[in-house]
Structures are given as C-alpha cells and as structure tokens.
Amino acid sequence: MIRRERQPKVVVVTGASAGLGRAIAHAFAERGDRVALLARNRTGLEAAAEEVRARGGQPLAVEVDVADDSQVEAAAERVERELGPIDVWVNNAMAAVFASFLEITPDEYRRGVEVTFLGSVNGARAALRRMTERDAGHLIQVGSSLAFRGIPLQSVYCAAKHALNGLYDSLRAELLHDGSRVQITSVHMPAMNTPQFRLGLSKMPRRAQPVPPIYQPEVAARAVVWASEHRRREIWVGASTVGTILGSRLAGGLLDHYLGRTGYSSQQTNEPADPAAPNYLFSPVPGDHGTHGPFDDRSHPRSIQLPLSLHRRSLAAGLGLAGAAAALAFRR
C-alpha cells in the first residue's frame, strides 16, 4: 500500500505577532504548512516569521489591522497570490480592555469591539468568499469560555465573544442551506499565559492576570491544529472551560453572585499597575512581545481534559466495548 505524503496547507492566522496567534502559527509550521501571519506589529511579525521558518513552515508576514475590512481583503488576495488558495483561516485577533463598564469610554469600547468582533467578521468574509467558490476550506474561530459566561472587568471582550457565537450559528446554517462543504469550528479557550495581560488597556489598580487555572498557549494551539483536520462544530479546551460553560447554563444566577465577590481580585496580581504603561488598543506597542506572558511558573503545559474531548468518540467506543465485555463475563 503506497502512502501519500501530506501536502502543505495554506493557513492564515490573525493576531499572529504574539501570544496565542504566534503559538498557533508555530504549530502549523511544525507540519510544514505555508503560514500567513496577519497583525499590526511589524517587529513581532518579523520575529514570528523567522520562528515559522525555523520550524519548517513557509511564512508570509502581512501588516494589517483586522478592524479594517479593506486591509483584510487585500491581505487575503496577497496570501492567495503568493502562497496559494487558502485552506485554513484562523480568526484569533483580539483587543483586551480590563476595566469596569462605566470607566470605559465610548471610543475605547468601540475599538475593542471592532477588533475582537468585527475583526473576525472581516476575516470570516474574506475566507468564505474564497472557500465557498471552491467548496472547500476550514474557518476556525478562537473562542473562549467567556463567550458563554460574562465576567466583571471584561465586558468588551465578553460581549464580542458572545456576539461571535451568534455570528457562527448563522453562518453554519447558511452553509448547510447552500449544501457547502466548507467547515466552521469554534475552539473555546481557558485562561492562558499570553502577553495580553500586560499589553491590554487596564484601568485596574493592580496588574492584570488571567483567572486561574492558567494554561500555556501551546495547549490551545494544538487544539486549533487538530480542529483544522476534523469536522467538529466546537472544541472546549481545559477543564475550567467545561466547568464555566456548564456552570453558566445550570446556575447562571449563582455565578453572578460568585463573580461579584471574587471576579475583581482574581483578575489582579498583588503588584500595583503602572497607569502610564502603553497598551495596544489603538496602536501596537513597539517591540517583540513573544508567545508567553509573565506567568510561566503558574501555567499548565498540558490539559488532561483536552485529549478526552478530542477523542471522545474513540473513548466512548472503548467504554462501550469494555462494558459489553464486562456484561458477557458477568453472564458467564
């Protein structure tokens, strides 16, 4: 039997200059894929491109603000011209704002939603325009447990991620109506150790931190790559994501009270914040900010829950066979 070598795929990752987007680009590069890196930070893009190349991928760095539809469309055209037809598009770009609702100005709120929500709308439009014409391709949205459960001090992010769930419900139904084979998967993430907690706009008195438990971005990146190879509507990454989503469905009122008591302190370290620190809401913060945030010593490099979620059918089949064998043994 002749085994065919896997052909490299053309993959687009938004928000790829740092954090989770950069980790996702690394993971696709390790398969030898052609990876287009979309972000605003030129220095971070160039560093990410070198890392993609070192891992065996072919990079293309494109400086783009995903909130601008014309820039995203131009980027998609360039990707297909230089790398080939887009097989996988990963919407990951976001803008964090850590502040209570009434402290956020209308311009700050608008910009946060433009990047986190409309940036993904623009990415989805650019991807689906091309994928539906070929009747092939996979659109992946980086979601969050906060797409199902809002928490204090992150109303911008939570609102945008909730809105994306509605967007993709609509898009999936439209693709089914058209008989399209294009696939959409939402990969919902836990708290991660990424630079957003020192780059996001914060009006809290102490430095921002992810709500524990914290995972390394490579855990989530592996889930995104796996999603690109399978037809799965949603993937939940991390036991905390499962608990948050199910808890919100079963006891939303209790979570309101719990988060009202704990949601402020759990998102801040003991270190005072620097009110003059630059943030990336309206323009990139100069420099290369890497993949990880400052919480390596508190972050999990793997998730016990994730393999169970990814291989749930095999697990269910195995449990079924074990149960059948036990029943036969019992009868004997």
C-alpha atoms as a PDB file:
ATOM      1  CA  MET A   1       0.000   0.000   0.000  1.00  0.00           C
ATOM      2  CA  ILE A   2       1.524   3.341  -1.085  1.00  0.00           C
ATOM      3  CA  ARG A   3       1.322   6.139   1.484  1.00  0.00           C
ATOM      4  CA  ARG A   4       0.876   9.587   0.023  1.00  0.00           C
ATOM      5  CA  GLU A   5       2.924  12.368   1.522  1.00  0.00           C
ATOM      6  CA  ARG A   6       0.875  15.085   3.180  1.00  0.00           C
ATOM      7  CA  GLN A   7       0.665  18.235   1.077  1.00  0.00           C
ATOM      8  CA  PRO A   8       1.378  21.539   2.884  1.00  0.00           C
ATOM      9  CA  LYS A   9      -1.692  23.643   3.567  1.00  0.00           C
ATOM     10  CA  VAL A  10      -2.085  27.379   3.246  1.00  0.00           C
ATOM     11  CA  VAL A  11      -3.053  28.706   6.678  1.00  0.00           C
ATOM     12  CA  VAL A  12      -3.938  32.270   7.703  1.00  0.00           C
ATOM     13  CA  VAL A  13      -3.616  33.263  11.378  1.00  0.00           C
ATOM     14  CA  THR A  14      -4.758  36.689  12.562  1.00  0.00           C
ATOM     15  CA  GLY A  15      -3.215  38.251  15.634  1.00  0.00           C
ATOM     16  CA  ALA A  16      -0.097  36.212  14.864  1.00  0.00           C
ATOM     17  CA  SER A  17       2.607  38.595  16.104  1.00  0.00           C
ATOM     18  CA  ALA A  18       2.360  37.480  19.746  1.00  0.00           C
ATOM     19  CA  GLY A  19       0.592  35.256  22.225  1.00  0.00           C
ATOM     20  CA  LEU A  20      -1.796  32.517  21.157  1.00  0.00           C
ATOM     21  CA  GLY A  21      -1.739  33.529  17.486  1.00  0.00           C
ATOM     22  CA  ARG A  22       2.031  33.091  17.418  1.00  0.00           C
ATOM     23  CA  ALA A  23       1.771  29.709  19.139  1.00  0.00           C
ATOM     24  CA  ILE A  24      -0.838  28.642  16.566  1.00  0.00           C
ATOM     25  CA  ALA A  25       1.490  29.720  13.746  1.00  0.00           C
ATOM     26  CA  HIS A  26       4.279  27.644  15.322  1.00  0.00           C
ATOM     27  CA  ALA A  27       2.056  24.573  15.486  1.00  0.00           C
ATOM     28  CA  PHE A  28       1.059  24.772  11.819  1.00  0.00           C
ATOM     29  CA  ALA A  29       4.681  25.445  10.812  1.00  0.00           C
ATOM     30  CA  GLU A  30       5.766  22.223  12.512  1.00  0.00           C
ATOM     31  CA  ARG A  31       3.620  20.374   9.959  1.00  0.00           C
ATOM     32  CA  GLY A  32       5.411  22.151   7.126  1.00  0.00           C
ATOM     33  CA  ASP A  33       2.478  24.401   6.226  1.00  0.00           C
ATOM     34  CA  ARG A  34       2.567  27.759   4.466  1.00  0.00           C
ATOM     35  CA  VAL A  35       1.542  30.194   7.181  1.00  0.00           C
ATOM     36  CA  ALA A  36       0.353  33.753   6.587  1.00  0.00           C
ATOM     37  CA  LEU A  37       0.823  35.881   9.693  1.00  0.00           C
ATOM     38  CA  LEU A  38      -1.575  38.839   9.985  1.00  0.00           C
ATOM     39  CA  ALA A  39      -1.131  41.523  12.662  1.00  0.00           C
ATOM     40  CA  ARG A  40      -0.233  45.203  13.170  1.00  0.00           C
ATOM     41  CA  ASN A  41       3.128  44.854  14.946  1.00  0.00           C
ATOM     42  CA  ARG A  42       5.837  44.698  12.284  1.00  0.00           C
ATOM     43  CA  THR A  43       8.611  43.713  14.725  1.00  0.00           C
ATOM     44  CA  GLY A  44       6.556  40.884  16.188  1.00  0.00           C
ATOM     45  CA  LEU A  45       5.521  39.710  12.719  1.00  0.00           C
ATOM     46  CA  GLU A  46       9.115  39.514  11.529  1.00  0.00           C
ATOM     47  CA  ALA A  47      10.170  37.554  14.625  1.00  0.00           C
ATOM     48  CA  ALA A  48       7.193  35.197  14.260  1.00  0.00           C
ATOM     49  CA  ALA A  49       8.030  34.663  10.587  1.00  0.00           C
ATOM     50  CA  GLU A  50      11.583  33.623  11.499  1.00  0.00           C
ATOM     51  CA  GLU A  51      10.215  31.152  14.037  1.00  0.00           C
ATOM     52  CA  VAL A  52       7.808  29.695  11.468  1.00  0.00           C
ATOM     53  CA  ARG A  53      10.690  29.247   9.025  1.00  0.00           C
ATOM     54  CA  ALA A  54      12.859  27.603  11.694  1.00  0.00           C
ATOM     55  CA  ARG A  55      10.072  25.114  12.438  1.00  0.00           C
ATOM     56  CA  GLY A  56       9.789  24.016   8.823  1.00  0.00           C
ATOM     57  CA  GLY A  57       6.990  26.255   7.580  1.00  0.00           C
ATOM     58  CA  GLN A  58       6.899  28.884   4.851  1.00  0.00           C
ATOM     59  CA  PRO A  59       5.920  32.250   6.363  1.00  0.00           C
ATOM     60  CA  LEU A  60       4.300  35.323   4.870  1.00  0.00           C
ATOM     61  CA  ALA A  61       4.096  38.329   7.202  1.00  0.00           C
ATOM     62  CA  VAL A  62       1.334  40.817   6.381  1.00  0.00           C
ATOM     63  CA  GLU A  63       0.928  44.016   8.381  1.00  0.00           C
ATOM     64  CA  VAL A  64      -2.816  44.555   8.729  1.00  0.00           C
ATOM     65  CA  ASP A  65      -5.438  45.987  11.089  1.00  0.00           C
ATOM     66  CA  VAL A  66      -8.208  43.375  11.104  1.00  0.00           C
ATOM     67  CA  ALA A  67     -10.788  46.023  12.054  1.00  0.00           C
ATOM     68  CA  ASP A  68     -10.399  47.455   8.540  1.00  0.00           C
ATOM     69  CA  ASP A  69     -12.234  45.241   6.038  1.00  0.00           C
ATOM     70  CA  SER A  70     -10.326  46.615   3.042  1.00  0.00           C
ATOM     71  CA  GLN A  71      -6.988  45.705   4.664  1.00  0.00           C
ATOM     72  CA  VAL A  72      -8.187  42.186   5.458  1.00  0.00           C
ATOM     73  CA  GLU A  73      -9.476  41.681   1.916  1.00  0.00           C
ATOM     74  CA  ALA A  74      -6.180  42.939   0.469  1.00  0.00           C
ATOM     75  CA  ALA A  75      -4.278  40.601   2.779  1.00  0.00           C
ATOM     76  CA  ALA A  76      -6.355  37.609   1.621  1.00  0.00           C
ATOM     77  CA  GLU A  77      -5.656  38.491  -2.010  1.00  0.00           C
ATOM     78  CA  ARG A  78      -1.936  38.690  -1.308  1.00  0.00           C
ATOM     79  CA  VAL A  79      -1.932  35.354   0.543  1.00  0.00           C
ATOM     80  CA  GLU A  80      -3.564  33.548  -2.371  1.00  0.00           C
ATOM     81  CA  ARG A  81      -1.290  35.272  -4.866  1.00  0.00           C
ATOM     82  CA  GLU A  82       1.926  34.384  -3.014  1.00  0.00           C
ATOM     83  CA  LEU A  83       1.120  31.160  -1.129  1.00  0.00           C
ATOM     84  CA  GLY A  84      -1.861  29.662  -2.944  1.00  0.00           C
ATOM     85  CA  PRO A  85      -5.556  29.004  -2.197  1.00  0.00           C
ATOM     86  CA  ILE A  86      -6.371  29.370   1.489  1.00  0.00           C
ATOM     87  CA  ASP A  87      -7.172  26.026   3.158  1.00  0.00           C
ATOM     88  CA  VAL A  88      -7.495  27.171   6.777  1.00  0.00           C
ATOM     89  CA  TRP A  89      -8.280  30.610   8.186  1.00  0.00           C
ATOM     90  CA  VAL A  90      -7.886  31.114  11.959  1.00  0.00           C
ATOM     91  CA  ASN A  91      -9.594  34.179  13.439  1.00  0.00           C
ATOM     92  CA  ASN A  92      -7.631  34.915  16.599  1.00  0.00           C
ATOM     93  CA  ALA A  93      -7.013  38.690  16.798  1.00  0.00           C
ATOM     94  CA  MET A  94      -8.481  40.453  19.809  1.00  0.00           C
ATOM     95  CA  ALA A  95      -8.064  43.563  21.958  1.00  0.00           C
ATOM     96  CA  ALA A  96      -8.301  43.330  25.738  1.00  0.00           C
ATOM     97  CA  VAL A  97      -9.769  46.047  27.974  1.00  0.00           C
ATOM     98  CA  PHE A  98      -9.642  45.482  31.738  1.00  0.00           C
ATOM     99  CA  ALA A  99     -11.958  47.992  33.394  1.00  0.00           C
ATOM    100  CA  SER A 100     -15.432  48.305  34.836  1.00  0.00           C
ATOM    101  CA  PHE A 101     -18.103  49.191  32.278  1.00  0.00           C
ATOM    102  CA  LEU A 102     -18.591  52.826  33.329  1.00  0.00           C
ATOM    103  CA  GLU A 103     -14.841  53.518  33.250  1.00  0.00           C
ATOM    104  CA  ILE A 104     -14.560  52.590  29.565  1.00  0.00           C
ATOM    105  CA  THR A 105     -15.020  55.474  27.133  1.00  0.00           C
ATOM    106  CA  PRO A 106     -17.254  55.051  24.070  1.00  0.00           C
ATOM    107  CA  ASP A 107     -14.195  55.194  21.788  1.00  0.00           C
ATOM    108  CA  GLU A 108     -12.395  52.511  23.807  1.00  0.00           C
ATOM    109  CA  TYR A 109     -15.442  50.283  23.796  1.00  0.00           C
ATOM    110  CA  ARG A 110     -15.969  50.755  20.076  1.00  0.00           C
ATOM    111  CA  ARG A 111     -12.365  49.954  19.257  1.00  0.00           C
ATOM    112  CA  GLY A 112     -12.352  46.819  21.414  1.00  0.00           C
ATOM    113  CA  VAL A 113     -15.463  45.509  19.679  1.00  0.00           C
ATOM    114  CA  GLU A 114     -14.137  46.476  16.240  1.00  0.00           C
ATOM    115  CA  VAL A 115     -11.001  44.398  16.719  1.00  0.00           C
ATOM    116  CA  THR A 116     -12.414  41.406  18.621  1.00  0.00           C
ATOM    117  CA  PHE A 117     -15.798  41.084  16.889  1.00  0.00           C
ATOM    118  CA  LEU A 118     -15.653  42.926  13.574  1.00  0.00           C
ATOM    119  CA  GLY A 119     -12.088  41.745  13.013  1.00  0.00           C
ATOM    120  CA  SER A 120     -13.431  38.193  12.971  1.00  0.00           C
ATOM    121  CA  VAL A 121     -16.390  39.243  10.820  1.00  0.00           C
ATOM    122  CA  ASN A 122     -13.932  40.685   8.309  1.00  0.00           C
ATOM    123  CA  GLY A 123     -11.777  37.569   8.450  1.00  0.00           C
ATOM    124  CA  ALA A 124     -14.777  35.288   8.002  1.00  0.00           C
ATOM    125  CA  ARG A 125     -15.947  37.310   4.997  1.00  0.00           C
ATOM    126  CA  ALA A 126     -12.527  37.209   3.305  1.00  0.00           C
ATOM    127  CA  ALA A 127     -12.158  33.475   3.970  1.00  0.00           C
ATOM    128  CA  LEU A 128     -15.675  32.424   2.967  1.00  0.00           C
ATOM    129  CA  ARG A 129     -15.651  34.465  -0.234  1.00  0.00           C
ATOM    130  CA  ARG A 130     -12.825  32.247  -1.411  1.00  0.00           C
ATOM    131  CA  MET A 131     -13.690  28.955   0.252  1.00  0.00           C
ATOM    132  CA  THR A 132     -17.303  28.852  -0.906  1.00  0.00           C
ATOM    133  CA  GLU A 133     -16.217  29.389  -4.516  1.00  0.00           C
ATOM    134  CA  ARG A 134     -14.025  26.274  -4.289  1.00  0.00           C
ATOM    135  CA  ASP A 135     -16.454  24.448  -1.964  1.00  0.00           C
ATOM    136  CA  ALA A 136     -13.535  23.625   0.318  1.00  0.00           C
ATOM    137  CA  GLY A 137     -11.813  25.098   3.332  1.00  0.00           C
ATOM    138  CA  HIS A 138     -11.974  25.394   7.090  1.00  0.00           C
ATOM    139  CA  LEU A 139     -12.727  28.562   9.072  1.00  0.00           C
ATOM    140  CA  ILE A 140     -11.667  28.370  12.728  1.00  0.00           C
ATOM    141  CA  GLN A 141     -12.672  30.879  15.367  1.00  0.00           C
ATOM    142  CA  VAL A 142     -10.675  31.191  18.570  1.00  0.00           C
ATOM    143  CA  GLY A 143     -13.412  31.486  21.147  1.00  0.00           C
ATOM    144  CA  SER A 144     -13.438  31.472  24.918  1.00  0.00           C
ATOM    145  CA  SER A 145     -15.266  30.185  27.945  1.00  0.00           C
ATOM    146  CA  LEU A 146     -16.182  33.879  28.290  1.00  0.00           C
ATOM    147  CA  ALA A 147     -18.246  33.540  25.111  1.00  0.00           C
ATOM    148  CA  PHE A 148     -20.774  31.782  27.360  1.00  0.00           C
ATOM    149  CA  ARG A 149     -20.215  33.498  30.722  1.00  0.00           C
ATOM    150  CA  GLY A 150     -19.510  37.199  31.119  1.00  0.00           C
ATOM    151  CA  ILE A 151     -17.242  38.264  33.956  1.00  0.00           C
ATOM    152  CA  PRO A 152     -16.650  41.661  35.569  1.00  0.00           C
ATOM    153  CA  LEU A 153     -13.935  43.965  34.201  1.00  0.00           C
ATOM    154  CA  GLN A 154     -14.012  42.335  30.742  1.00  0.00           C
ATOM    155  CA  SER A 155     -17.362  43.406  29.316  1.00  0.00           C
ATOM    156  CA  VAL A 156     -15.806  44.392  25.952  1.00  0.00           C
ATOM    157  CA  TYR A 157     -14.207  41.005  25.380  1.00  0.00           C
ATOM    158  CA  CYS A 158     -17.155  39.028  26.741  1.00  0.00           C
ATOM    159  CA  ALA A 159     -19.691  40.937  24.628  1.00  0.00           C
ATOM    160  CA  ALA A 160     -17.621  40.456  21.466  1.00  0.00           C
ATOM    161  CA  LYS A 161     -17.096  36.727  22.070  1.00  0.00           C
ATOM    162  CA  HIS A 162     -20.802  36.213  22.806  1.00  0.00           C
ATOM    163  CA  ALA A 163     -21.619  38.002  19.547  1.00  0.00           C
ATOM    164  CA  LEU A 164     -19.277  35.706  17.623  1.00  0.00           C
ATOM    165  CA  ASN A 165     -21.255  32.670  18.801  1.00  0.00           C
ATOM    166  CA  GLY A 166     -24.342  34.184  17.189  1.00  0.00           C
ATOM    167  CA  LEU A 167     -22.439  35.012  14.014  1.00  0.00           C
ATOM    168  CA  TYR A 168     -21.234  31.450  13.523  1.00  0.00           C
ATOM    169  CA  ASP A 169     -24.630  29.931  14.289  1.00  0.00           C
ATOM    170  CA  SER A 170     -25.952  31.994  11.382  1.00  0.00           C
ATOM    171  CA  LEU A 171     -23.052  31.162   9.069  1.00  0.00           C
ATOM    172  CA  ARG A 172     -23.258  27.430   9.730  1.00  0.00           C
ATOM    173  CA  ALA A 173     -26.968  27.420   8.909  1.00  0.00           C
ATOM    174  CA  GLU A 174     -26.348  29.361   5.697  1.00  0.00           C
ATOM    175  CA  LEU A 175     -23.609  26.961   4.599  1.00  0.00           C
ATOM    176  CA  LEU A 176     -25.880  23.995   5.282  1.00  0.00           C
ATOM    177  CA  HIS A 177     -28.664  25.633   3.279  1.00  0.00           C
ATOM    178  CA  ASP A 178     -26.281  26.019   0.343  1.00  0.00           C
ATOM    179  CA  GLY A 179     -25.014  22.450   0.616  1.00  0.00           C
ATOM    180  CA  SER A 180     -21.487  23.749   1.156  1.00  0.00           C
ATOM    181  CA  ARG A 181     -18.659  21.526   2.338  1.00  0.00           C
ATOM    182  CA  VAL A 182     -16.851  24.443   3.975  1.00  0.00           C
ATOM    183  CA  GLN A 183     -16.386  23.743   7.675  1.00  0.00           C
ATOM    184  CA  ILE A 184     -16.569  26.142  10.647  1.00  0.00           C
ATOM    185  CA  THR A 185     -15.174  25.235  14.066  1.00  0.00           C
ATOM    186  CA  SER A 186     -15.123  27.321  17.243  1.00  0.00           C
ATOM    187  CA  VAL A 187     -12.335  26.430  19.678  1.00  0.00           C
ATOM    188  CA  HIS A 188     -13.196  27.795  23.113  1.00  0.00           C
ATOM    189  CA  MET A 189     -10.210  28.575  25.310  1.00  0.00           C
ATOM    190  CA  PRO A 190      -9.436  28.791  29.038  1.00  0.00           C
ATOM    191  CA  ALA A 191      -7.294  31.451  30.697  1.00  0.00           C
ATOM    192  CA  MET A 192      -3.886  31.487  29.017  1.00  0.00           C
ATOM    193  CA  ASN A 193      -0.422  32.816  29.752  1.00  0.00           C
ATOM    194  CA  THR A 194      -0.122  35.337  26.906  1.00  0.00           C
ATOM    195  CA  PRO A 195       1.195  38.927  26.707  1.00  0.00           C
ATOM    196  CA  GLN A 196      -2.328  40.400  26.525  1.00  0.00           C
ATOM    197  CA  PHE A 197      -2.356  40.877  30.294  1.00  0.00           C
ATOM    198  CA  ARG A 198       0.486  43.394  30.094  1.00  0.00           C
ATOM    199  CA  LEU A 199      -0.423  44.851  26.684  1.00  0.00           C
ATOM    200  CA  GLY A 200      -4.168  45.315  27.104  1.00  0.00           C
ATOM    201  CA  LEU A 201      -5.705  48.592  28.271  1.00  0.00           C
ATOM    202  CA  SER A 202      -6.148  48.297  32.041  1.00  0.00           C
ATOM    203  CA  LYS A 203      -7.775  50.711  34.485  1.00  0.00           C
ATOM    204  CA  MET A 204      -7.484  48.367  37.446  1.00  0.00           C
ATOM    205  CA  PRO A 205      -5.371  49.434  40.455  1.00  0.00           C
ATOM    206  CA  ARG A 206      -3.206  46.283  40.258  1.00  0.00           C
ATOM    207  CA  ARG A 207      -1.632  44.426  37.319  1.00  0.00           C
ATOM    208  CA  ALA A 208      -3.936  42.220  35.263  1.00  0.00           C
ATOM    209  CA  GLN A 209      -3.700  38.439  35.346  1.00  0.00           C
ATOM    210  CA  PRO A 210      -5.672  35.507  33.884  1.00  0.00           C
ATOM    211  CA  VAL A 211      -8.223  33.888  36.190  1.00  0.00           C
ATOM    212  CA  PRO A 212      -6.581  30.632  37.376  1.00  0.00           C
ATOM    213  CA  PRO A 213      -6.153  27.875  36.333  1.00  0.00           C
ATOM    214  CA  ILE A 214      -3.824  29.202  33.623  1.00  0.00           C
ATOM    215  CA  TYR A 215      -2.688  27.215  30.580  1.00  0.00           C
ATOM    216  CA  GLN A 216       0.242  27.731  28.249  1.00  0.00           C
ATOM    217  CA  PRO A 217      -0.801  28.881  24.751  1.00  0.00           C
ATOM    218  CA  GLU A 218       0.724  25.756  23.165  1.00  0.00           C
ATOM    219  CA  VAL A 219      -2.086  23.686  24.712  1.00  0.00           C
ATOM    220  CA  ALA A 220      -4.673  25.725  22.839  1.00  0.00           C
ATOM    221  CA  ALA A 221      -2.575  25.842  19.664  1.00  0.00           C
ATOM    222  CA  ARG A 222      -2.541  22.037  19.472  1.00  0.00           C
ATOM    223  CA  ALA A 223      -6.337  22.059  19.702  1.00  0.00           C
ATOM    224  CA  VAL A 224      -6.598  24.528  16.802  1.00  0.00           C
ATOM    225  CA  VAL A 225      -4.381  22.383  14.564  1.00  0.00           C
ATOM    226  CA  TRP A 226      -6.399  19.290  15.475  1.00  0.00           C
ATOM    227  CA  ALA A 227      -9.620  21.175  14.674  1.00  0.00           C
ATOM    228  CA  SER A 228      -8.285  22.005  11.211  1.00  0.00           C
ATOM    229  CA  GLU A 229      -8.110  18.284  10.429  1.00  0.00           C
ATOM    230  CA  HIS A 230     -11.531  17.256  11.742  1.00  0.00           C
ATOM    231  CA  ARG A 231     -15.160  18.169  11.229  1.00  0.00           C
ATOM    232  CA  ARG A 232     -16.102  19.329  14.717  1.00  0.00           C
ATOM    233  CA  ARG A 233     -18.543  22.145  15.458  1.00  0.00           C
ATOM    234  CA  GLU A 234     -16.951  23.160  18.763  1.00  0.00           C
ATOM    235  CA  ILE A 235     -13.999  22.170  20.910  1.00  0.00           C
ATOM    236  CA  TRP A 236     -13.686  23.080  24.579  1.00  0.00           C
ATOM    237  CA  VAL A 237     -10.106  23.370  25.848  1.00  0.00           C
ATOM    238  CA  GLY A 238      -9.398  22.797  29.539  1.00  0.00           C
ATOM    239  CA  ALA A 239     -11.495  21.541  32.411  1.00  0.00           C
ATOM    240  CA  SER A 240     -12.087  25.131  33.549  1.00  0.00           C
ATOM    241  CA  THR A 241     -13.722  25.923  30.189  1.00  0.00           C
ATOM    242  CA  VAL A 242     -16.038  22.931  30.549  1.00  0.00           C
ATOM    243  CA  GLY A 243     -16.907  23.939  34.102  1.00  0.00           C
ATOM    244  CA  THR A 244     -17.526  27.584  33.169  1.00  0.00           C
ATOM    245  CA  ILE A 245     -19.788  26.795  30.216  1.00  0.00           C
ATOM    246  CA  LEU A 246     -21.820  24.127  32.004  1.00  0.00           C
ATOM    247  CA  GLY A 247     -21.948  26.132  35.214  1.00  0.00           C
ATOM    248  CA  SER A 248     -23.330  29.147  33.377  1.00  0.00           C
ATOM    249  CA  ARG A 249     -26.026  27.017  31.793  1.00  0.00           C
ATOM    250  CA  LEU A 250     -27.052  25.348  35.033  1.00  0.00           C
ATOM    251  CA  ALA A 251     -26.554  28.071  37.653  1.00  0.00           C
ATOM    252  CA  GLY A 252     -26.138  31.469  35.997  1.00  0.00           C
ATOM    253  CA  GLY A 253     -27.600  33.396  38.935  1.00  0.00           C
ATOM    254  CA  LEU A 254     -25.270  31.757  41.423  1.00  0.00           C
ATOM    255  CA  LEU A 255     -22.313  32.597  39.181  1.00  0.00           C
ATOM    256  CA  ASP A 256     -23.405  36.255  39.126  1.00  0.00           C
ATOM    257  CA  HIS A 257     -23.076  36.396  42.921  1.00  0.00           C
ATOM    258  CA  TYR A 258     -19.865  34.368  42.987  1.00  0.00           C
ATOM    259  CA  LEU A 259     -18.166  36.548  40.374  1.00  0.00           C
ATOM    260  CA  GLY A 260     -19.403  39.687  42.098  1.00  0.00           C
ATOM    261  CA  ARG A 261     -17.434  38.567  45.172  1.00  0.00           C
ATOM    262  CA  THR A 262     -14.328  37.092  43.519  1.00  0.00           C
ATOM    263  CA  GLY A 263     -14.137  38.411  39.950  1.00  0.00           C
ATOM    264  CA  TYR A 264     -12.195  41.589  40.761  1.00  0.00           C
ATOM    265  CA  SER A 265      -9.448  40.143  42.952  1.00  0.00           C
ATOM    266  CA  SER A 266      -8.960  37.021  40.797  1.00  0.00           C
ATOM    267  CA  GLN A 267      -8.055  39.167  37.771  1.00  0.00           C
ATOM    268  CA  GLN A 268      -5.355  41.197  39.549  1.00  0.00           C
ATOM    269  CA  THR A 269      -1.935  40.385  40.947  1.00  0.00           C
ATOM    270  CA  ASN A 270      -0.579  41.936  44.131  1.00  0.00           C
ATOM    271  CA  GLU A 271       1.621  44.342  42.142  1.00  0.00           C
ATOM    272  CA  PRO A 272       0.419  47.916  41.579  1.00  0.00           C
ATOM    273  CA  ALA A 273      -0.403  48.815  37.992  1.00  0.00           C
ATOM    274  CA  ASP A 274       1.525  51.426  36.041  1.00  0.00           C
ATOM    275  CA  PRO A 275      -1.073  53.938  34.804  1.00  0.00           C
ATOM    276  CA  ALA A 276       1.407  55.241  32.209  1.00  0.00           C
ATOM    277  CA  ALA A 277       2.086  51.816  30.666  1.00  0.00           C
ATOM    278  CA  PRO A 278       1.445  51.690  26.883  1.00  0.00           C
ATOM    279  CA  ASN A 279      -1.331  49.482  25.555  1.00  0.00           C
ATOM    280  CA  TYR A 280      -2.210  48.070  22.147  1.00  0.00           C
ATOM    281  CA  LEU A 281      -5.863  49.140  21.845  1.00  0.00           C
ATOM    282  CA  PHE A 282      -5.437  51.870  19.231  1.00  0.00           C
ATOM    283  CA  SER A 283      -1.880  51.206  18.039  1.00  0.00           C
ATOM    284  CA  PRO A 284       0.679  48.416  18.513  1.00  0.00           C
ATOM    285  CA  VAL A 285       3.112  48.573  21.401  1.00  0.00           C
ATOM    286  CA  PRO A 286       6.626  48.643  19.868  1.00  0.00           C
ATOM    287  CA  GLY A 287       8.854  45.615  20.267  1.00  0.00           C
ATOM    288  CA  ASP A 288       8.658  41.838  20.068  1.00  0.00           C
ATOM    289  CA  HIS A 289       6.375  40.535  22.832  1.00  0.00           C
ATOM    290  CA  GLY A 290       6.802  36.817  22.230  1.00  0.00           C
ATOM    291  CA  THR A 291       4.390  33.985  22.849  1.00  0.00           C
ATOM    292  CA  HIS A 292       4.206  33.697  26.637  1.00  0.00           C
ATOM    293  CA  GLY A 293       3.136  36.170  29.285  1.00  0.00           C
ATOM    294  CA  PRO A 294       4.773  36.553  32.716  1.00  0.00           C
ATOM    295  CA  PHE A 295       3.012  33.579  34.341  1.00  0.00           C
ATOM    296  CA  ASP A 296       5.137  30.612  33.228  1.00  0.00           C
ATOM    297  CA  ASP A 297       5.626  29.372  36.785  1.00  0.00           C
ATOM    298  CA  ARG A 298       1.844  29.148  37.316  1.00  0.00           C
ATOM    299  CA  SER A 299       0.776  27.785  33.909  1.00  0.00           C
ATOM    300  CA  HIS A 300      -0.115  24.237  32.879  1.00  0.00           C
ATOM    301  CA  PRO A 301       1.773  22.884  29.831  1.00  0.00           C
ATOM    302  CA  ARG A 302      -0.948  20.315  29.119  1.00  0.00           C
ATOM    303  CA  SER A 303      -4.625  19.603  29.719  1.00  0.00           C
ATOM    304  CA  ILE A 304      -5.907  16.210  30.878  1.00  0.00           C
ATOM    305  CA  GLN A 305      -9.370  17.129  29.598  1.00  0.00           C
ATOM    306  CA  LEU A 306      -8.322  18.029  26.055  1.00  0.00           C
ATOM    307  CA  PRO A 307      -7.393  14.549  24.724  1.00  0.00           C
ATOM    308  CA  LEU A 308     -10.645  13.212  26.159  1.00  0.00           C
ATOM    309  CA  SER A 309     -12.563  15.924  24.313  1.00  0.00           C
ATOM    310  CA  LEU A 310     -10.709  15.488  21.024  1.00  0.00           C
ATOM    311  CA  HIS A 311     -11.044  11.706  21.007  1.00  0.00           C
ATOM    312  CA  ARG A 312     -14.433  11.375  22.663  1.00  0.00           C
ATOM    313  CA  ARG A 313     -15.840   9.014  20.021  1.00  0.00           C
ATOM    314  CA  SER A 314     -12.960   6.581  20.374  1.00  0.00           C
ATOM    315  CA  LEU A 315     -13.238   6.836  24.141  1.00  0.00           C
ATOM    316  CA  ALA A 316     -16.994   6.198  24.033  1.00  0.00           C
ATOM    317  CA  ALA A 317     -16.483   3.231  21.727  1.00  0.00           C
ATOM    318  CA  GLY A 318     -13.809   1.830  24.027  1.00  0.00           C
ATOM    319  CA  LEU A 319     -16.011   2.236  27.075  1.00  0.00           C
ATOM    320  CA  GLY A 320     -18.855   0.561  25.198  1.00  0.00           C
ATOM    321  CA  LEU A 321     -16.674  -2.430  24.299  1.00  0.00           C
ATOM    322  CA  ALA A 322     -15.410  -2.662  27.853  1.00  0.00           C
ATOM    323  CA  GLY A 323     -18.965  -2.568  29.129  1.00  0.00           C
ATOM    324  CA  ALA A 324     -20.038  -5.277  26.707  1.00  0.00           C
ATOM    325  CA  ALA A 325     -17.093  -7.461  27.704  1.00  0.00           C
ATOM    326  CA  ALA A 326     -17.895  -6.980  31.369  1.00  0.00           C
ATOM    327  CA  ALA A 327     -21.538  -7.919  30.776  1.00  0.00           C
ATOM    328  CA  LEU A 328     -20.517 -11.121  28.959  1.00  0.00           C
ATOM    329  CA  ALA A 329     -18.082 -12.003  31.715  1.00  0.00           C
ATOM    330  CA  PHE A 330     -20.780 -11.411  34.308  1.00  0.00           C
ATOM    331  CA  ARG A 331     -23.199 -13.722  32.482  1.00  0.00           C
ATOM    332  CA  ARG A 332     -20.624 -16.461  32.487  1.00  0.00           C
END
